[in-house]
Amino acid sequence: MDRKDQFVPHLIVRDGLAALEFYKAVFGGVDGHNMMSPDGSKLMHGEIVLDGHKLFVSDWFAPTDGGTLDSPDRLGGTCVRITLEVDDADAVIARAVERGSTVLLPASDMFWGARYGKIRDPYGHEWGINQQQHELTPEQEQAQADEFFAGQRDPQ
Protein backbone atom coordinates (compact mmCIF):
# COMPACT_ATOMS: atom_id res chain seq x y z
CA MET A 1 0.00 0.00 0.00
CA ASP A 2 1.36 3.41 -0.98
CA ARG A 3 0.98 5.94 1.85
CA LYS A 4 0.91 9.60 0.91
CA ASP A 5 1.14 10.73 4.53
CA GLN A 6 1.85 8.63 7.56
CA PHE A 7 0.74 11.39 9.94
CA VAL A 8 -2.25 13.59 9.18
CA PRO A 9 -3.09 16.32 11.70
CA HIS A 10 -6.83 16.50 12.38
CA LEU A 11 -7.97 19.77 13.94
CA ILE A 12 -11.24 20.19 15.79
CA VAL A 13 -12.65 23.72 15.55
CA ARG A 14 -15.75 25.83 15.78
CA ASP A 15 -16.97 26.90 12.32
CA GLY A 16 -15.14 24.29 10.27
CA LEU A 17 -15.98 25.79 6.89
CA ALA A 18 -14.50 29.15 7.90
CA ALA A 19 -11.45 27.37 9.32
CA LEU A 20 -10.89 25.59 6.00
CA GLU A 21 -10.97 28.93 4.20
CA PHE A 22 -8.55 30.42 6.74
CA TYR A 23 -6.03 27.59 6.38
CA LYS A 24 -6.24 27.68 2.59
CA ALA A 25 -5.73 31.46 2.48
CA VAL A 26 -2.90 31.56 5.02
CA PHE A 27 -1.00 28.41 4.10
CA GLY A 28 -1.79 28.23 0.39
CA GLY A 29 -3.69 24.94 0.48
CA VAL A 30 -6.28 23.61 -1.89
CA ASP A 31 -9.57 21.83 -1.17
CA GLY A 32 -9.59 18.12 -0.61
CA HIS A 33 -12.63 15.99 0.22
CA ASN A 34 -15.25 17.66 2.43
CA MET A 35 -18.37 16.16 4.02
CA MET A 36 -21.08 17.93 5.98
CA SER A 37 -23.31 16.42 8.68
CA PRO A 38 -26.63 14.99 7.40
CA ASP A 39 -28.47 18.19 8.37
CA GLY A 40 -25.79 20.32 6.66
CA SER A 41 -24.99 22.32 9.79
CA LYS A 42 -21.50 21.05 10.65
CA LEU A 43 -18.34 19.98 8.89
CA MET A 44 -17.90 16.27 9.63
CA HIS A 45 -14.76 15.88 7.56
CA GLY A 46 -12.85 18.61 5.80
CA GLU A 47 -9.46 18.49 4.26
CA ILE A 48 -7.04 20.77 2.55
CA VAL A 49 -3.88 19.74 0.80
CA LEU A 50 -0.67 21.67 1.43
CA ASP A 51 2.19 20.81 -0.93
CA GLY A 52 0.74 17.31 -1.36
CA HIS A 53 0.12 16.75 2.37
CA LYS A 54 -3.30 16.56 4.00
CA LEU A 55 -4.69 18.52 6.92
CA PHE A 56 -8.06 17.37 8.28
CA VAL A 57 -10.50 19.80 9.92
CA SER A 58 -13.82 19.06 11.61
CA ASP A 59 -16.35 20.93 13.65
CA TRP A 60 -16.70 19.96 17.28
CA PHE A 61 -19.36 17.32 17.94
CA ALA A 62 -20.81 16.44 21.34
CA PRO A 63 -20.12 12.92 22.60
CA THR A 64 -23.80 12.15 22.16
CA ASP A 65 -23.29 12.89 18.44
CA GLY A 66 -20.18 10.69 18.17
CA GLY A 67 -17.57 13.32 19.02
CA THR A 68 -14.50 12.21 20.98
CA LEU A 69 -12.35 15.36 20.85
CA ASP A 70 -12.71 18.90 22.13
CA SER A 71 -11.70 22.09 20.36
CA PRO A 72 -9.19 24.54 21.88
CA ASP A 73 -11.93 27.06 22.67
CA ARG A 74 -13.81 24.38 24.65
CA LEU A 75 -10.60 23.28 26.41
CA GLY A 76 -9.34 26.79 27.08
CA GLY A 77 -6.18 26.18 25.03
CA THR A 78 -4.26 23.51 23.20
CA CYS A 79 -1.43 21.14 24.12
CA VAL A 80 -0.19 20.71 20.54
CA ARG A 81 1.82 22.85 18.14
CA ILE A 82 1.97 22.00 14.46
CA THR A 83 5.13 23.22 12.74
CA LEU A 84 4.81 24.11 9.10
CA GLU A 85 7.82 24.42 6.77
CA VAL A 86 7.36 27.46 4.51
CA ASP A 87 9.29 29.52 1.96
CA ASP A 88 8.57 32.88 3.64
CA ALA A 89 7.83 32.82 7.37
CA ASP A 90 7.21 36.57 7.60
CA ALA A 91 4.63 36.50 4.80
CA VAL A 92 2.76 33.51 6.28
CA ILE A 93 2.64 35.12 9.71
CA ALA A 94 1.46 38.41 8.19
CA ARG A 95 -1.36 36.63 6.31
CA ALA A 96 -2.35 34.82 9.50
CA VAL A 97 -2.43 38.06 11.52
CA GLU A 98 -4.50 39.80 8.82
CA ARG A 99 -7.04 37.00 9.26
CA GLY A 100 -7.23 37.11 13.06
CA SER A 101 -4.26 35.13 14.38
CA THR A 102 -2.23 36.18 17.40
CA VAL A 103 1.57 36.29 17.23
CA LEU A 104 3.06 34.27 20.08
CA LEU A 105 6.66 34.66 18.90
CA PRO A 106 7.59 37.10 16.14
CA ALA A 107 9.56 35.61 13.26
CA SER A 108 13.27 35.85 13.93
CA ASP A 109 16.49 34.16 12.92
CA MET A 110 17.10 31.09 15.07
CA PHE A 111 20.16 29.10 16.04
CA TRP A 112 19.11 26.11 13.92
CA GLY A 113 19.48 28.17 10.74
CA ALA A 114 15.82 29.07 10.27
CA ARG A 115 13.56 32.07 10.42
CA TYR A 116 10.89 30.94 12.89
CA GLY A 117 7.83 32.34 14.63
CA LYS A 118 4.71 31.08 16.38
CA ILE A 119 1.05 32.02 16.00
CA ARG A 120 -2.26 31.01 17.51
CA ASP A 121 -4.93 30.87 14.82
CA PRO A 122 -8.48 32.20 15.38
CA TYR A 123 -9.61 28.63 16.18
CA GLY A 124 -7.14 28.22 19.06
CA HIS A 125 -4.52 26.04 17.38
CA GLU A 126 -0.84 26.89 17.71
CA TRP A 127 1.48 26.84 14.70
CA GLY A 128 5.25 27.03 14.42
CA ILE A 129 6.17 28.71 11.15
CA ASN A 130 9.64 27.58 10.07
CA GLN A 131 11.60 28.85 7.07
CA GLN A 132 14.86 26.93 6.91
CA GLN A 133 17.50 29.31 5.56
CA HIS A 134 20.76 27.47 6.19
CA GLU A 135 21.54 23.80 6.59
CA LEU A 136 23.88 23.36 9.55
CA THR A 137 25.98 20.44 10.64
CA PRO A 138 25.05 19.05 14.06
CA GLU A 139 28.24 20.62 15.42
CA GLN A 140 27.40 24.06 14.01
CA GLU A 141 23.86 23.88 15.38
CA GLN A 142 25.14 22.82 18.81
CA ALA A 143 27.66 25.67 18.89
CA GLN A 144 24.98 28.20 17.95
CA ALA A 145 22.56 26.71 20.50
CA ASP A 146 25.22 26.92 23.22
CA GLU A 147 25.82 30.58 22.36
CA PHE A 148 22.08 31.33 22.28
CA PHE A 149 21.32 29.66 25.62
CA ALA A 150 24.40 31.11 27.32
CA GLY A 151 22.84 34.54 26.89
CA GLN A 152 19.62 33.37 28.55
CA ARG A 153 20.98 31.75 31.71
CA ASP A 154 19.89 33.08 35.07
CA PRO A 155 23.01 34.57 36.75
CA GLN A 156 22.21 33.13 40.22
C-alpha atoms as a PDB file:
ATOM      1  CA  MET A   1       0.000   0.000   0.000  1.00  0.00           C
ATOM      2  CA  ASP A   2       1.359   3.414  -0.977  1.00  0.00           C
ATOM      3  CA  ARG A   3       0.976   5.938   1.847  1.00  0.00           C
ATOM      4  CA  LYS A   4       0.908   9.595   0.908  1.00  0.00           C
ATOM      5  CA  ASP A   5       1.141  10.733   4.532  1.00  0.00           C
ATOM      6  CA  GLN A   6       1.854   8.626   7.561  1.00  0.00           C
ATOM      7  CA  PHE A   7       0.737  11.385   9.938  1.00  0.00           C
ATOM      8  CA  VAL A   8      -2.250  13.593   9.177  1.00  0.00           C
ATOM      9  CA  PRO A   9      -3.095  16.321  11.700  1.00  0.00           C
ATOM     10  CA  HIS A  10      -6.832  16.496  12.382  1.00  0.00           C
ATOM     11  CA  LEU A  11      -7.972  19.769  13.936  1.00  0.00           C
ATOM     12  CA  ILE A  12     -11.239  20.191  15.785  1.00  0.00           C
ATOM     13  CA  VAL A  13     -12.645  23.719  15.546  1.00  0.00           C
ATOM     14  CA  ARG A  14     -15.752  25.826  15.777  1.00  0.00           C
ATOM     15  CA  ASP A  15     -16.966  26.903  12.322  1.00  0.00           C
ATOM     16  CA  GLY A  16     -15.143  24.292  10.274  1.00  0.00           C
ATOM     17  CA  LEU A  17     -15.980  25.794   6.891  1.00  0.00           C
ATOM     18  CA  ALA A  18     -14.500  29.150   7.902  1.00  0.00           C
ATOM     19  CA  ALA A  19     -11.447  27.366   9.321  1.00  0.00           C
ATOM     20  CA  LEU A  20     -10.891  25.587   5.997  1.00  0.00           C
ATOM     21  CA  GLU A  21     -10.973  28.928   4.198  1.00  0.00           C
ATOM     22  CA  PHE A  22      -8.553  30.420   6.742  1.00  0.00           C
ATOM     23  CA  TYR A  23      -6.029  27.589   6.381  1.00  0.00           C
ATOM     24  CA  LYS A  24      -6.237  27.683   2.586  1.00  0.00           C
ATOM     25  CA  ALA A  25      -5.729  31.464   2.479  1.00  0.00           C
ATOM     26  CA  VAL A  26      -2.898  31.563   5.016  1.00  0.00           C
ATOM     27  CA  PHE A  27      -1.005  28.410   4.104  1.00  0.00           C
ATOM     28  CA  GLY A  28      -1.791  28.229   0.391  1.00  0.00           C
ATOM     29  CA  GLY A  29      -3.688  24.944   0.485  1.00  0.00           C
ATOM     30  CA  VAL A  30      -6.285  23.610  -1.892  1.00  0.00           C
ATOM     31  CA  ASP A  31      -9.573  21.834  -1.174  1.00  0.00           C
ATOM     32  CA  GLY A  32      -9.587  18.120  -0.614  1.00  0.00           C
ATOM     33  CA  HIS A  33     -12.627  15.990   0.221  1.00  0.00           C
ATOM     34  CA  ASN A  34     -15.247  17.665   2.434  1.00  0.00           C
ATOM     35  CA  MET A  35     -18.370  16.162   4.019  1.00  0.00           C
ATOM     36  CA  MET A  36     -21.083  17.925   5.979  1.00  0.00           C
ATOM     37  CA  SER A  37     -23.314  16.418   8.679  1.00  0.00           C
ATOM     38  CA  PRO A  38     -26.626  14.992   7.403  1.00  0.00           C
ATOM     39  CA  ASP A  39     -28.469  18.192   8.375  1.00  0.00           C
ATOM     40  CA  GLY A  40     -25.786  20.323   6.664  1.00  0.00           C
ATOM     41  CA  SER A  41     -24.991  22.320   9.794  1.00  0.00           C
ATOM     42  CA  LYS A  42     -21.504  21.045  10.647  1.00  0.00           C
ATOM     43  CA  LEU A  43     -18.336  19.979   8.887  1.00  0.00           C
ATOM     44  CA  MET A  44     -17.901  16.272   9.626  1.00  0.00           C
ATOM     45  CA  HIS A  45     -14.757  15.883   7.556  1.00  0.00           C
ATOM     46  CA  GLY A  46     -12.849  18.605   5.798  1.00  0.00           C
ATOM     47  CA  GLU A  47      -9.458  18.488   4.260  1.00  0.00           C
ATOM     48  CA  ILE A  48      -7.044  20.769   2.552  1.00  0.00           C
ATOM     49  CA  VAL A  49      -3.885  19.739   0.796  1.00  0.00           C
ATOM     50  CA  LEU A  50      -0.668  21.674   1.425  1.00  0.00           C
ATOM     51  CA  ASP A  51       2.193  20.809  -0.928  1.00  0.00           C
ATOM     52  CA  GLY A  52       0.744  17.312  -1.359  1.00  0.00           C
ATOM     53  CA  HIS A  53       0.124  16.748   2.372  1.00  0.00           C
ATOM     54  CA  LYS A  54      -3.295  16.560   4.002  1.00  0.00           C
ATOM     55  CA  LEU A  55      -4.694  18.520   6.922  1.00  0.00           C
ATOM     56  CA  PHE A  56      -8.062  17.365   8.284  1.00  0.00           C
ATOM     57  CA  VAL A  57     -10.498  19.800   9.919  1.00  0.00           C
ATOM     58  CA  SER A  58     -13.821  19.058  11.611  1.00  0.00           C
ATOM     59  CA  ASP A  59     -16.354  20.929  13.646  1.00  0.00           C
ATOM     60  CA  TRP A  60     -16.696  19.956  17.284  1.00  0.00           C
ATOM     61  CA  PHE A  61     -19.360  17.317  17.935  1.00  0.00           C
ATOM     62  CA  ALA A  62     -20.806  16.439  21.340  1.00  0.00           C
ATOM     63  CA  PRO A  63     -20.119  12.922  22.605  1.00  0.00           C
ATOM     64  CA  THR A  64     -23.803  12.152  22.155  1.00  0.00           C
ATOM     65  CA  ASP A  65     -23.285  12.885  18.443  1.00  0.00           C
ATOM     66  CA  GLY A  66     -20.184  10.686  18.165  1.00  0.00           C
ATOM     67  CA  GLY A  67     -17.570  13.318  19.019  1.00  0.00           C
ATOM     68  CA  THR A  68     -14.502  12.207  20.977  1.00  0.00           C
ATOM     69  CA  LEU A  69     -12.350  15.363  20.847  1.00  0.00           C
ATOM     70  CA  ASP A  70     -12.707  18.904  22.127  1.00  0.00           C
ATOM     71  CA  SER A  71     -11.699  22.087  20.358  1.00  0.00           C
ATOM     72  CA  PRO A  72      -9.189  24.541  21.876  1.00  0.00           C
ATOM     73  CA  ASP A  73     -11.934  27.063  22.675  1.00  0.00           C
ATOM     74  CA  ARG A  74     -13.807  24.384  24.651  1.00  0.00           C
ATOM     75  CA  LEU A  75     -10.598  23.281  26.405  1.00  0.00           C
ATOM     76  CA  GLY A  76      -9.342  26.790  27.083  1.00  0.00           C
ATOM     77  CA  GLY A  77      -6.183  26.178  25.031  1.00  0.00           C
ATOM     78  CA  THR A  78      -4.257  23.509  23.203  1.00  0.00           C
ATOM     79  CA  CYS A  79      -1.434  21.142  24.116  1.00  0.00           C
ATOM     80  CA  VAL A  80      -0.188  20.707  20.540  1.00  0.00           C
ATOM     81  CA  ARG A  81       1.819  22.850  18.145  1.00  0.00           C
ATOM     82  CA  ILE A  82       1.973  21.996  14.457  1.00  0.00           C
ATOM     83  CA  THR A  83       5.129  23.216  12.740  1.00  0.00           C
ATOM     84  CA  LEU A  84       4.814  24.112   9.098  1.00  0.00           C
ATOM     85  CA  GLU A  85       7.817  24.423   6.771  1.00  0.00           C
ATOM     86  CA  VAL A  86       7.355  27.463   4.505  1.00  0.00           C
ATOM     87  CA  ASP A  87       9.285  29.521   1.956  1.00  0.00           C
ATOM     88  CA  ASP A  88       8.567  32.884   3.640  1.00  0.00           C
ATOM     89  CA  ALA A  89       7.830  32.821   7.374  1.00  0.00           C
ATOM     90  CA  ASP A  90       7.215  36.565   7.600  1.00  0.00           C
ATOM     91  CA  ALA A  91       4.626  36.497   4.797  1.00  0.00           C
ATOM     92  CA  VAL A  92       2.763  33.507   6.278  1.00  0.00           C
ATOM     93  CA  ILE A  93       2.644  35.124   9.707  1.00  0.00           C
ATOM     94  CA  ALA A  94       1.460  38.414   8.186  1.00  0.00           C
ATOM     95  CA  ARG A  95      -1.364  36.631   6.309  1.00  0.00           C
ATOM     96  CA  ALA A  96      -2.348  34.824   9.496  1.00  0.00           C
ATOM     97  CA  VAL A  97      -2.428  38.056  11.520  1.00  0.00           C
ATOM     98  CA  GLU A  98      -4.497  39.795   8.820  1.00  0.00           C
ATOM     99  CA  ARG A  99      -7.042  37.002   9.262  1.00  0.00           C
ATOM    100  CA  GLY A 100      -7.233  37.111  13.059  1.00  0.00           C
ATOM    101  CA  SER A 101      -4.261  35.135  14.378  1.00  0.00           C
ATOM    102  CA  THR A 102      -2.230  36.182  17.396  1.00  0.00           C
ATOM    103  CA  VAL A 103       1.565  36.294  17.232  1.00  0.00           C
ATOM    104  CA  LEU A 104       3.059  34.267  20.082  1.00  0.00           C
ATOM    105  CA  LEU A 105       6.656  34.656  18.897  1.00  0.00           C
ATOM    106  CA  PRO A 106       7.587  37.098  16.136  1.00  0.00           C
ATOM    107  CA  ALA A 107       9.565  35.615  13.260  1.00  0.00           C
ATOM    108  CA  SER A 108      13.269  35.853  13.935  1.00  0.00           C
ATOM    109  CA  ASP A 109      16.494  34.158  12.922  1.00  0.00           C
ATOM    110  CA  MET A 110      17.096  31.088  15.070  1.00  0.00           C
ATOM    111  CA  PHE A 111      20.157  29.103  16.044  1.00  0.00           C
ATOM    112  CA  TRP A 112      19.112  26.112  13.916  1.00  0.00           C
ATOM    113  CA  GLY A 113      19.482  28.167  10.742  1.00  0.00           C
ATOM    114  CA  ALA A 114      15.825  29.070  10.270  1.00  0.00           C
ATOM    115  CA  ARG A 115      13.557  32.069  10.424  1.00  0.00           C
ATOM    116  CA  TYR A 116      10.889  30.943  12.888  1.00  0.00           C
ATOM    117  CA  GLY A 117       7.830  32.342  14.626  1.00  0.00           C
ATOM    118  CA  LYS A 118       4.707  31.076  16.381  1.00  0.00           C
ATOM    119  CA  ILE A 119       1.052  32.024  15.996  1.00  0.00           C
ATOM    120  CA  ARG A 120      -2.265  31.008  17.514  1.00  0.00           C
ATOM    121  CA  ASP A 121      -4.931  30.867  14.825  1.00  0.00           C
ATOM    122  CA  PRO A 122      -8.477  32.196  15.384  1.00  0.00           C
ATOM    123  CA  TYR A 123      -9.611  28.631  16.178  1.00  0.00           C
ATOM    124  CA  GLY A 124      -7.144  28.218  19.061  1.00  0.00           C
ATOM    125  CA  HIS A 125      -4.521  26.044  17.380  1.00  0.00           C
ATOM    126  CA  GLU A 126      -0.839  26.891  17.710  1.00  0.00           C
ATOM    127  CA  TRP A 127       1.479  26.837  14.704  1.00  0.00           C
ATOM    128  CA  GLY A 128       5.247  27.029  14.423  1.00  0.00           C
ATOM    129  CA  ILE A 129       6.167  28.707  11.145  1.00  0.00           C
ATOM    130  CA  ASN A 130       9.642  27.576  10.069  1.00  0.00           C
ATOM    131  CA  GLN A 131      11.602  28.852   7.073  1.00  0.00           C
ATOM    132  CA  GLN A 132      14.862  26.926   6.912  1.00  0.00           C
ATOM    133  CA  GLN A 133      17.498  29.306   5.560  1.00  0.00           C
ATOM    134  CA  HIS A 134      20.761  27.469   6.190  1.00  0.00           C
ATOM    135  CA  GLU A 135      21.540  23.798   6.594  1.00  0.00           C
ATOM    136  CA  LEU A 136      23.877  23.362   9.545  1.00  0.00           C
ATOM    137  CA  THR A 137      25.979  20.441  10.640  1.00  0.00           C
ATOM    138  CA  PRO A 138      25.053  19.052  14.063  1.00  0.00           C
ATOM    139  CA  GLU A 139      28.242  20.622  15.423  1.00  0.00           C
ATOM    140  CA  GLN A 140      27.396  24.064  14.005  1.00  0.00           C
ATOM    141  CA  GLU A 141      23.862  23.880  15.377  1.00  0.00           C
ATOM    142  CA  GLN A 142      25.136  22.821  18.813  1.00  0.00           C
ATOM    143  CA  ALA A 143      27.664  25.670  18.895  1.00  0.00           C
ATOM    144  CA  GLN A 144      24.978  28.204  17.947  1.00  0.00           C
ATOM    145  CA  ALA A 145      22.561  26.710  20.496  1.00  0.00           C
ATOM    146  CA  ASP A 146      25.222  26.925  23.225  1.00  0.00           C
ATOM    147  CA  GLU A 147      25.816  30.580  22.360  1.00  0.00           C
ATOM    148  CA  PHE A 148      22.077  31.328  22.277  1.00  0.00           C
ATOM    149  CA  PHE A 149      21.323  29.661  25.618  1.00  0.00           C
ATOM    150  CA  ALA A 150      24.400  31.113  27.318  1.00  0.00           C
ATOM    151  CA  GLY A 151      22.841  34.542  26.892  1.00  0.00           C
ATOM    152  CA  GLN A 152      19.618  33.369  28.555  1.00  0.00           C
ATOM    153  CA  ARG A 153      20.981  31.749  31.707  1.00  0.00           C
ATOM    154  CA  ASP A 154      19.889  33.079  35.072  1.00  0.00           C
ATOM    155  CA  PRO A 155      23.006  34.571  36.746  1.00  0.00           C
ATOM    156  CA  GLN A 156      22.210  33.128  40.223  1.00  0.00           C
END
